[in-house]
Amino acid sequence: MTKRFTTIYLALAPVLFGLSWYISHRLYLRFMAFGSGTFEYKGDDRSLIYASMFTGVYLAAYLVIRDLYKPQSKEK
């Protein structure tokens, strides 16, 4: 695994967090808009938790990839 790949992969983590928070928050707001009819959702906004979990899975995948592609030793 190259240093460039590591930098790019880890630099995308905050972008992924922000994007997943935005999408889940918009879905929550849209769902709440439908709640004004016969069905009302009594839960809290959990967009931050969902975004954190998704980013955690993304970073866990990085650890798996790093473990699979260890640098080869130069011993002969």
Protein backbone atom coordinates (compact mmCIF):
# COMPACT_ATOMS: atom_id res chain seq x y z
CA MET A 1 0.00 0.00 0.00
CA THR A 2 1.49 3.27 -1.07
CA LYS A 3 1.66 6.43 0.95
CA ARG A 4 -0.35 8.23 -1.72
CA PHE A 5 -3.20 5.73 -1.44
CA THR A 6 -3.21 6.06 2.35
CA THR A 7 -3.35 9.85 2.16
CA ILE A 8 -6.17 9.89 -0.37
CA TYR A 9 -8.17 7.21 1.45
CA LEU A 10 -7.93 8.93 4.83
CA ALA A 11 -8.56 12.38 3.34
CA LEU A 12 -11.89 11.12 2.00
CA ALA A 13 -13.08 10.08 5.48
CA PRO A 14 -14.27 13.57 6.57
CA VAL A 15 -15.94 14.08 3.20
CA LEU A 16 -17.71 10.75 3.56
CA PHE A 17 -18.80 11.64 7.09
CA GLY A 18 -20.22 14.99 5.99
CA LEU A 19 -21.99 13.52 2.99
CA SER A 20 -23.53 10.65 4.95
CA TRP A 21 -24.66 13.05 7.69
CA TYR A 22 -26.25 15.35 5.12
CA ILE A 23 -28.10 12.52 3.37
CA SER A 24 -29.39 10.93 6.56
CA HIS A 25 -30.42 14.31 7.98
CA ARG A 26 -32.33 15.19 4.81
CA LEU A 27 -34.07 11.80 4.92
CA TYR A 28 -35.03 12.45 8.54
CA LEU A 29 -36.45 15.87 7.69
CA ARG A 30 -38.40 14.45 4.76
CA PHE A 31 -39.76 11.68 6.95
CA MET A 32 -40.82 14.24 9.57
CA ALA A 33 -42.67 16.21 6.88
CA PHE A 34 -44.83 13.15 6.21
CA GLY A 35 -45.47 12.85 9.96
CA SER A 36 -47.94 15.70 9.94
CA GLY A 37 -50.63 13.34 8.60
CA THR A 38 -51.87 10.26 10.41
CA PHE A 39 -48.48 8.85 11.40
CA GLU A 40 -46.02 10.72 13.60
CA TYR A 41 -42.47 9.63 14.29
CA LYS A 42 -41.57 10.10 17.97
CA GLY A 43 -37.84 9.44 17.63
CA ASP A 44 -34.87 11.77 17.70
CA ASP A 45 -32.62 12.82 14.86
CA ARG A 46 -29.91 10.15 14.74
CA SER A 47 -28.10 11.40 11.65
CA LEU A 48 -24.87 11.96 13.57
CA ILE A 49 -24.87 8.40 14.90
CA TYR A 50 -25.54 6.92 11.46
CA ALA A 51 -22.81 9.01 9.86
CA SER A 52 -20.35 8.01 12.61
CA MET A 53 -21.13 4.33 12.18
CA PHE A 54 -20.76 4.51 8.40
CA THR A 55 -17.44 6.34 8.71
CA GLY A 56 -16.29 3.78 11.28
CA VAL A 57 -17.00 0.97 8.82
CA TYR A 58 -15.07 2.92 6.17
CA LEU A 59 -12.05 3.24 8.47
CA ALA A 60 -12.30 -0.42 9.51
CA ALA A 61 -12.11 -1.34 5.83
CA TYR A 62 -8.91 0.71 5.65
CA LEU A 63 -7.41 -1.38 8.46
CA VAL A 64 -8.34 -4.58 6.65
CA ILE A 65 -6.85 -3.33 3.38
CA ARG A 66 -3.68 -2.23 5.17
CA ASP A 67 -3.38 -5.66 6.78
CA LEU A 68 -3.88 -7.49 3.47
CA TYR A 69 -1.32 -5.43 1.56
CA LYS A 70 1.61 -5.33 3.92
CA PRO A 71 4.87 -4.17 2.37
CA GLN A 72 7.18 -6.96 1.30
CA SER A 73 10.39 -7.31 3.29
CA LYS A 74 13.60 -6.86 1.32
CA GLU A 75 15.36 -9.85 2.91
CA LYS A 76 16.66 -12.49 0.50
